[in-house]
Amino acid sequence: MDELFFGAAYKGSKQFTQQQVPVANATGFGAPTDDYAGRGIDLNEQLIRNKPATFFFKMKGDAMQDAGLFEGDVLIVDRSLPLNNGKIIVAILNGELLVRRFHRNFTSSFLVPENSRYKPINLSEFSDFKLWGVVVYSIHAVG
């Protein structure tokens, strides 16, 4: 298995957005910098478009390293997106989860790795292919 299933993404349980939470100060006086404070970044709002259909996977293996997906990266996968040529997908092939780039030409469809050590998989040779989801983002630790 190329990936470790991580579980469902953010489920929408937060009660407030960051704009609705006022700045708190224990002294009772606002800090001068509060006037210049910008809104923080909520990664759920930035990276997840369809909350019920979004899942996290932990990348295992090096088949997609030339696409910038490395062992241990967290992949954000949206199951509601359609299968399109050139997209990186999570596929189920004979019961095994694979992360590959989907490529379709006039006669066949392939799962193409982004590492020269691996060969493309011709989907016409397999009867048990299913799209699990489309990879929309990768979270990669630096250093």
N, C-alpha and C. Protein backbone atom coordinates (compact mmCIF):
# COMPACT_ATOMS: atom_id res chain seq x y z
N MET A 1 0.86 -1.18 0.00
CA MET A 1 0.00 0.00 0.00
C MET A 1 0.90 1.23 0.00
N ASP A 2 0.66 2.15 -0.91
CA ASP A 2 1.50 3.33 -1.04
C ASP A 2 1.16 4.43 -0.05
N GLU A 3 0.00 4.37 0.58
CA GLU A 3 -0.40 5.44 1.46
C GLU A 3 -1.00 4.85 2.73
N LEU A 4 -0.94 5.63 3.78
CA LEU A 4 -1.60 5.26 5.03
C LEU A 4 -2.81 6.15 5.18
N PHE A 5 -3.98 5.56 5.30
CA PHE A 5 -5.22 6.33 5.43
C PHE A 5 -5.19 7.07 6.74
N PHE A 6 -5.47 8.35 6.72
CA PHE A 6 -5.32 9.21 7.88
C PHE A 6 -6.65 9.54 8.53
N GLY A 7 -7.75 9.50 7.82
CA GLY A 7 -9.04 9.79 8.42
C GLY A 7 -9.72 10.97 7.78
N ALA A 8 -10.91 11.24 8.22
CA ALA A 8 -11.71 12.31 7.65
C ALA A 8 -11.11 13.66 8.00
N ALA A 9 -11.33 14.60 7.12
CA ALA A 9 -10.81 15.95 7.30
C ALA A 9 -11.69 16.71 8.29
N TYR A 10 -11.42 17.95 8.45
CA TYR A 10 -12.18 18.85 9.31
C TYR A 10 -13.68 18.66 9.07
N LYS A 11 -14.44 18.49 10.11
CA LYS A 11 -15.85 18.15 9.98
C LYS A 11 -16.78 19.33 10.16
N GLY A 12 -16.25 20.52 10.29
CA GLY A 12 -17.11 21.69 10.40
C GLY A 12 -17.66 21.90 11.80
N SER A 13 -16.95 21.49 12.82
CA SER A 13 -17.47 21.59 14.17
C SER A 13 -17.12 22.90 14.86
N LYS A 14 -16.27 23.71 14.25
CA LYS A 14 -15.93 24.97 14.91
C LYS A 14 -17.14 25.90 14.90
N GLN A 15 -17.29 26.68 15.97
CA GLN A 15 -18.49 27.49 16.12
C GLN A 15 -18.30 28.91 15.58
N PHE A 16 -17.08 29.37 15.48
CA PHE A 16 -16.84 30.75 15.09
C PHE A 16 -15.74 30.79 14.03
N THR A 17 -15.82 31.80 13.18
CA THR A 17 -14.70 32.08 12.30
C THR A 17 -13.75 33.00 13.03
N GLN A 18 -12.56 33.18 12.51
CA GLN A 18 -11.59 34.03 13.19
C GLN A 18 -12.03 35.49 13.20
N GLN A 19 -12.87 35.90 12.24
CA GLN A 19 -13.34 37.29 12.25
C GLN A 19 -14.31 37.54 13.40
N GLN A 20 -15.00 36.51 13.87
CA GLN A 20 -15.99 36.68 14.91
C GLN A 20 -15.40 36.67 16.32
N VAL A 21 -14.15 36.28 16.47
CA VAL A 21 -13.53 36.20 17.78
C VAL A 21 -12.77 37.50 18.04
N PRO A 22 -13.21 38.29 19.03
CA PRO A 22 -12.52 39.55 19.31
C PRO A 22 -11.18 39.30 20.00
N VAL A 23 -10.32 40.30 19.93
CA VAL A 23 -9.02 40.22 20.59
C VAL A 23 -9.23 40.34 22.09
N ALA A 24 -8.65 39.45 22.86
CA ALA A 24 -8.79 39.48 24.31
C ALA A 24 -7.48 39.98 24.92
N ASN A 25 -7.62 40.79 25.95
CA ASN A 25 -6.45 41.31 26.64
C ASN A 25 -6.75 41.26 28.14
N ALA A 26 -5.91 40.59 28.90
CA ALA A 26 -6.16 40.38 30.32
C ALA A 26 -6.05 41.67 31.13
N THR A 27 -5.39 42.69 30.63
CA THR A 27 -5.21 43.93 31.39
C THR A 27 -6.42 44.85 31.28
N GLY A 28 -7.27 44.59 30.33
CA GLY A 28 -8.42 45.46 30.13
C GLY A 28 -8.17 46.56 29.12
N PHE A 29 -6.92 46.74 28.72
CA PHE A 29 -6.59 47.75 27.71
C PHE A 29 -6.12 47.03 26.46
N GLY A 30 -6.55 47.53 25.33
CA GLY A 30 -6.10 46.95 24.08
C GLY A 30 -4.65 47.31 23.79
N ALA A 31 -3.95 46.40 23.19
CA ALA A 31 -2.57 46.68 22.80
C ALA A 31 -2.57 47.54 21.54
N PRO A 32 -1.60 48.46 21.42
CA PRO A 32 -1.54 49.30 20.22
C PRO A 32 -1.45 48.51 18.93
N THR A 33 -0.87 47.33 19.01
CA THR A 33 -0.72 46.52 17.80
C THR A 33 -2.04 45.90 17.36
N ASP A 34 -3.06 45.87 18.25
CA ASP A 34 -4.36 45.30 17.86
C ASP A 34 -4.97 46.02 16.67
N ASP A 35 -4.69 47.32 16.55
CA ASP A 35 -5.22 48.09 15.43
C ASP A 35 -4.65 47.64 14.09
N TYR A 36 -3.48 47.01 14.13
CA TYR A 36 -2.80 46.61 12.90
C TYR A 36 -2.82 45.10 12.68
N ALA A 37 -3.44 44.40 13.59
CA ALA A 37 -3.45 42.94 13.48
C ALA A 37 -4.33 42.52 12.31
N GLY A 38 -3.79 41.67 11.50
CA GLY A 38 -4.56 41.13 10.38
C GLY A 38 -5.24 39.85 10.79
N ARG A 39 -6.16 39.43 9.98
CA ARG A 39 -6.86 38.18 10.23
C ARG A 39 -5.87 37.03 10.00
N GLY A 40 -5.90 36.04 10.87
CA GLY A 40 -5.04 34.87 10.72
C GLY A 40 -5.48 34.00 9.57
N ILE A 41 -4.66 33.05 9.26
CA ILE A 41 -4.97 32.12 8.17
C ILE A 41 -5.56 30.85 8.77
N ASP A 42 -6.72 30.46 8.32
CA ASP A 42 -7.36 29.22 8.72
C ASP A 42 -7.12 28.22 7.60
N LEU A 43 -6.29 27.21 7.86
CA LEU A 43 -5.96 26.25 6.81
C LEU A 43 -7.17 25.44 6.36
N ASN A 44 -8.14 25.24 7.24
CA ASN A 44 -9.36 24.56 6.82
C ASN A 44 -10.09 25.36 5.74
N GLU A 45 -10.15 26.67 5.91
CA GLU A 45 -10.82 27.51 4.92
C GLU A 45 -10.01 27.60 3.63
N GLN A 46 -8.70 27.57 3.73
CA GLN A 46 -7.84 27.72 2.56
C GLN A 46 -7.69 26.44 1.74
N LEU A 47 -7.65 25.29 2.41
CA LEU A 47 -7.28 24.06 1.72
C LEU A 47 -8.42 23.07 1.49
N ILE A 48 -9.54 23.26 2.18
CA ILE A 48 -10.62 22.29 2.08
C ILE A 48 -11.85 22.97 1.48
N ARG A 49 -12.25 22.49 0.31
CA ARG A 49 -13.41 23.08 -0.37
C ARG A 49 -14.69 22.32 -0.09
N ASN A 50 -14.60 21.02 0.01
CA ASN A 50 -15.79 20.19 0.26
C ASN A 50 -15.49 19.33 1.49
N LYS A 51 -15.88 19.83 2.65
CA LYS A 51 -15.51 19.20 3.92
C LYS A 51 -15.93 17.73 4.03
N PRO A 52 -17.16 17.36 3.71
CA PRO A 52 -17.53 15.95 3.88
C PRO A 52 -16.79 15.00 2.95
N ALA A 53 -16.28 15.50 1.83
CA ALA A 53 -15.62 14.64 0.85
C ALA A 53 -14.11 14.72 0.91
N THR A 54 -13.55 15.41 1.90
CA THR A 54 -12.11 15.62 1.98
C THR A 54 -11.49 14.74 3.06
N PHE A 55 -10.39 14.10 2.70
CA PHE A 55 -9.68 13.19 3.59
C PHE A 55 -8.19 13.48 3.53
N PHE A 56 -7.48 13.03 4.56
CA PHE A 56 -6.04 13.15 4.62
C PHE A 56 -5.42 11.76 4.48
N PHE A 57 -4.34 11.70 3.70
CA PHE A 57 -3.55 10.48 3.58
C PHE A 57 -2.11 10.82 3.91
N LYS A 58 -1.40 9.87 4.43
CA LYS A 58 0.04 10.03 4.62
C LYS A 58 0.72 9.26 3.49
N MET A 59 1.54 9.95 2.73
CA MET A 59 2.22 9.36 1.57
C MET A 59 3.25 8.36 2.04
N LYS A 60 3.22 7.21 1.40
CA LYS A 60 4.21 6.18 1.66
C LYS A 60 4.81 5.77 0.33
N GLY A 61 6.10 5.74 0.26
CA GLY A 61 6.77 5.35 -0.97
C GLY A 61 7.32 6.55 -1.72
N ASP A 62 8.03 6.25 -2.81
CA ASP A 62 8.71 7.30 -3.57
C ASP A 62 8.26 7.37 -5.02
N ALA A 63 7.13 6.78 -5.35
CA ALA A 63 6.67 6.72 -6.74
C ALA A 63 6.32 8.09 -7.31
N MET A 64 6.07 9.09 -6.46
CA MET A 64 5.67 10.40 -6.96
C MET A 64 6.66 11.50 -6.56
N GLN A 65 7.89 11.13 -6.27
CA GLN A 65 8.86 12.11 -5.77
C GLN A 65 9.19 13.20 -6.78
N ASP A 66 9.18 12.91 -8.06
CA ASP A 66 9.47 13.94 -9.06
C ASP A 66 8.32 14.94 -9.22
N ALA A 67 7.16 14.61 -8.66
CA ALA A 67 6.03 15.55 -8.64
C ALA A 67 6.02 16.34 -7.33
N GLY A 68 7.01 16.10 -6.46
CA GLY A 68 7.10 16.81 -5.20
C GLY A 68 6.33 16.17 -4.06
N LEU A 69 5.91 14.91 -4.23
CA LEU A 69 5.23 14.18 -3.16
C LEU A 69 6.21 13.16 -2.58
N PHE A 70 6.52 13.30 -1.31
CA PHE A 70 7.56 12.49 -0.68
C PHE A 70 7.00 11.66 0.46
N GLU A 71 7.74 10.64 0.83
CA GLU A 71 7.40 9.78 1.96
C GLU A 71 7.10 10.64 3.19
N GLY A 72 5.96 10.42 3.81
CA GLY A 72 5.59 11.15 5.01
C GLY A 72 4.78 12.41 4.77
N ASP A 73 4.68 12.87 3.52
CA ASP A 73 3.86 14.05 3.23
C ASP A 73 2.39 13.73 3.52
N VAL A 74 1.65 14.74 3.91
CA VAL A 74 0.22 14.58 4.12
C VAL A 74 -0.49 15.07 2.85
N LEU A 75 -1.26 14.18 2.25
CA LEU A 75 -2.00 14.51 1.04
C LEU A 75 -3.43 14.84 1.41
N ILE A 76 -3.94 15.93 0.87
CA ILE A 76 -5.34 16.30 1.04
C ILE A 76 -6.07 15.85 -0.22
N VAL A 77 -7.03 14.94 -0.03
CA VAL A 77 -7.70 14.27 -1.14
C VAL A 77 -9.19 14.60 -1.11
N ASP A 78 -9.70 15.05 -2.25
CA ASP A 78 -11.12 15.39 -2.39
C ASP A 78 -11.80 14.31 -3.22
N ARG A 79 -12.74 13.62 -2.61
CA ARG A 79 -13.43 12.52 -3.29
C ARG A 79 -14.54 13.00 -4.21
N SER A 80 -14.90 14.28 -4.15
CA SER A 80 -16.00 14.78 -4.96
C SER A 80 -15.56 15.26 -6.34
N LEU A 81 -14.27 15.35 -6.58
CA LEU A 81 -13.77 15.86 -7.86
C LEU A 81 -13.78 14.77 -8.93
N PRO A 82 -14.02 15.14 -10.17
CA PRO A 82 -14.05 14.14 -11.25
C PRO A 82 -12.64 13.73 -11.68
N LEU A 83 -12.57 12.60 -12.34
CA LEU A 83 -11.32 12.08 -12.87
C LEU A 83 -10.98 12.84 -14.16
N ASN A 84 -9.88 13.58 -14.14
CA ASN A 84 -9.45 14.35 -15.31
C ASN A 84 -8.03 13.98 -15.69
N ASN A 85 -7.75 14.06 -16.97
CA ASN A 85 -6.43 13.76 -17.49
C ASN A 85 -5.39 14.68 -16.86
N GLY A 86 -4.29 14.11 -16.41
CA GLY A 86 -3.18 14.87 -15.85
C GLY A 86 -3.24 15.11 -14.35
N LYS A 87 -4.36 14.77 -13.71
CA LYS A 87 -4.50 14.97 -12.27
C LYS A 87 -3.80 13.86 -11.49
N ILE A 88 -3.27 14.21 -10.32
CA ILE A 88 -2.72 13.20 -9.42
C ILE A 88 -3.89 12.67 -8.59
N ILE A 89 -4.01 11.35 -8.57
CA ILE A 89 -5.17 10.73 -7.94
C ILE A 89 -4.74 9.66 -6.94
N VAL A 90 -5.67 9.30 -6.07
CA VAL A 90 -5.56 8.09 -5.27
C VAL A 90 -6.47 7.09 -5.95
N ALA A 91 -5.89 5.98 -6.38
CA ALA A 91 -6.63 4.96 -7.11
C ALA A 91 -6.64 3.67 -6.31
N ILE A 92 -7.69 2.90 -6.52
CA ILE A 92 -7.74 1.54 -5.98
C ILE A 92 -7.54 0.61 -7.16
N LEU A 93 -6.47 -0.15 -7.13
CA LEU A 93 -6.16 -1.07 -8.21
C LEU A 93 -5.95 -2.45 -7.61
N ASN A 94 -6.88 -3.35 -7.91
CA ASN A 94 -6.86 -4.70 -7.33
C ASN A 94 -6.78 -4.67 -5.81
N GLY A 95 -7.53 -3.75 -5.20
CA GLY A 95 -7.60 -3.67 -3.75
C GLY A 95 -6.47 -2.90 -3.09
N GLU A 96 -5.54 -2.37 -3.87
CA GLU A 96 -4.39 -1.63 -3.32
C GLU A 96 -4.53 -0.14 -3.64
N LEU A 97 -4.24 0.71 -2.66
CA LEU A 97 -4.27 2.16 -2.88
C LEU A 97 -2.97 2.61 -3.50
N LEU A 98 -3.06 3.40 -4.56
CA LEU A 98 -1.88 3.94 -5.25
C LEU A 98 -2.08 5.42 -5.48
N VAL A 99 -1.00 6.18 -5.39
CA VAL A 99 -1.01 7.59 -5.79
C VAL A 99 -0.22 7.67 -7.08
N ARG A 100 -0.90 8.11 -8.13
CA ARG A 100 -0.28 8.22 -9.45
C ARG A 100 -0.96 9.36 -10.21
N ARG A 101 -0.32 9.77 -11.31
CA ARG A 101 -0.92 10.74 -12.22
C ARG A 101 -1.76 9.97 -13.25
N PHE A 102 -2.99 10.40 -13.45
CA PHE A 102 -3.87 9.75 -14.42
C PHE A 102 -3.61 10.34 -15.80
N HIS A 103 -3.41 9.45 -16.77
CA HIS A 103 -3.19 9.89 -18.15
C HIS A 103 -4.06 9.05 -19.07
N ARG A 104 -4.80 9.74 -19.93
CA ARG A 104 -5.65 9.06 -20.90
C ARG A 104 -5.24 9.53 -22.29
N ASN A 105 -5.05 8.57 -23.21
CA ASN A 105 -4.83 8.93 -24.61
C ASN A 105 -6.01 8.39 -25.42
N PHE A 106 -5.87 8.29 -26.72
CA PHE A 106 -6.99 7.90 -27.57
C PHE A 106 -7.45 6.46 -27.34
N THR A 107 -6.53 5.58 -26.93
CA THR A 107 -6.87 4.17 -26.85
C THR A 107 -6.84 3.60 -25.43
N SER A 108 -6.07 4.18 -24.52
CA SER A 108 -5.90 3.59 -23.20
C SER A 108 -5.81 4.66 -22.12
N SER A 109 -5.90 4.17 -20.89
CA SER A 109 -5.68 5.02 -19.71
C SER A 109 -4.56 4.41 -18.90
N PHE A 110 -3.77 5.29 -18.26
CA PHE A 110 -2.60 4.85 -17.52
C PHE A 110 -2.54 5.53 -16.16
N LEU A 111 -1.91 4.86 -15.21
CA LEU A 111 -1.49 5.46 -13.96
C LEU A 111 0.01 5.63 -14.07
N VAL A 112 0.46 6.88 -14.10
CA VAL A 112 1.86 7.18 -14.41
C VAL A 112 2.57 7.62 -13.13
N PRO A 113 3.66 6.94 -12.77
CA PRO A 113 4.44 7.37 -11.62
C PRO A 113 5.32 8.56 -11.99
N GLU A 114 5.78 9.27 -11.01
CA GLU A 114 6.70 10.39 -11.24
C GLU A 114 8.06 10.02 -10.64
N ASN A 115 8.53 8.85 -11.03
CA ASN A 115 9.84 8.35 -10.63
C ASN A 115 10.24 7.33 -11.68
N SER A 116 11.41 7.49 -12.26
CA SER A 116 11.83 6.63 -13.37
C SER A 116 12.05 5.18 -12.94
N ARG A 117 12.09 4.90 -11.65
CA ARG A 117 12.25 3.52 -11.17
C ARG A 117 10.98 2.69 -11.37
N TYR A 118 9.85 3.35 -11.60
CA TYR A 118 8.58 2.66 -11.73
C TYR A 118 8.06 2.82 -13.15
N LYS A 119 7.26 1.85 -13.58
CA LYS A 119 6.68 1.89 -14.92
C LYS A 119 5.21 2.30 -14.84
N PRO A 120 4.72 2.94 -15.91
CA PRO A 120 3.28 3.26 -15.96
C PRO A 120 2.44 1.98 -15.94
N ILE A 121 1.27 2.10 -15.38
CA ILE A 121 0.34 0.96 -15.31
C ILE A 121 -0.76 1.19 -16.33
N ASN A 122 -0.87 0.28 -17.28
CA ASN A 122 -1.93 0.35 -18.29
C ASN A 122 -3.21 -0.21 -17.67
N LEU A 123 -4.22 0.64 -17.54
CA LEU A 123 -5.44 0.24 -16.87
C LEU A 123 -6.27 -0.76 -17.65
N SER A 124 -6.02 -0.90 -18.96
CA SER A 124 -6.77 -1.88 -19.73
C SER A 124 -6.41 -3.30 -19.32
N GLU A 125 -5.29 -3.47 -18.63
CA GLU A 125 -4.87 -4.80 -18.16
C GLU A 125 -5.53 -5.18 -16.85
N PHE A 126 -6.24 -4.24 -16.23
CA PHE A 126 -6.86 -4.49 -14.94
C PHE A 126 -8.36 -4.24 -15.02
N SER A 127 -9.12 -5.10 -14.40
CA SER A 127 -10.57 -4.93 -14.41
C SER A 127 -11.06 -4.26 -13.13
N ASP A 128 -10.21 -4.19 -12.13
CA ASP A 128 -10.63 -3.68 -10.82
C ASP A 128 -9.97 -2.33 -10.52
N PHE A 129 -10.24 -1.32 -11.34
CA PHE A 129 -9.72 0.03 -11.11
C PHE A 129 -10.85 0.94 -10.67
N LYS A 130 -10.61 1.70 -9.59
CA LYS A 130 -11.58 2.69 -9.13
C LYS A 130 -10.83 3.94 -8.70
N LEU A 131 -11.43 5.06 -8.99
CA LEU A 131 -10.92 6.33 -8.48
C LEU A 131 -11.35 6.45 -7.03
N TRP A 132 -10.40 6.71 -6.13
CA TRP A 132 -10.76 6.95 -4.73
C TRP A 132 -10.93 8.44 -4.49
N GLY A 133 -10.04 9.25 -5.07
CA GLY A 133 -10.13 10.69 -4.92
C GLY A 133 -9.01 11.39 -5.66
N VAL A 134 -9.13 12.72 -5.74
CA VAL A 134 -8.14 13.54 -6.43
C VAL A 134 -7.31 14.29 -5.39
N VAL A 135 -6.00 14.22 -5.54
CA VAL A 135 -5.10 14.94 -4.63
C VAL A 135 -5.16 16.42 -4.98
N VAL A 136 -5.51 17.25 -3.99
CA VAL A 136 -5.62 18.68 -4.24
C VAL A 136 -4.47 19.47 -3.62
N TYR A 137 -3.92 18.97 -2.51
CA TYR A 137 -2.78 19.63 -1.87
C TYR A 137 -1.90 18.59 -1.22
N SER A 138 -0.64 18.98 -1.02
CA SER A 138 0.31 18.17 -0.27
C SER A 138 0.93 19.05 0.79
N ILE A 139 1.02 18.54 2.01
CA ILE A 139 1.68 19.26 3.09
C ILE A 139 3.02 18.57 3.31
N HIS A 140 4.09 19.31 3.06
CA HIS A 140 5.44 18.75 3.10
C HIS A 140 6.25 19.46 4.17
N ALA A 141 6.82 18.68 5.08
CA ALA A 141 7.68 19.26 6.12
C ALA A 141 9.01 19.67 5.51
N VAL A 142 9.48 20.84 5.84
CA VAL A 142 10.76 21.32 5.32
C VAL A 142 11.83 21.07 6.37
N GLY A 143 12.94 20.52 5.92
CA GLY A 143 14.06 20.28 6.83
C GLY A 143 14.00 19.01 7.44
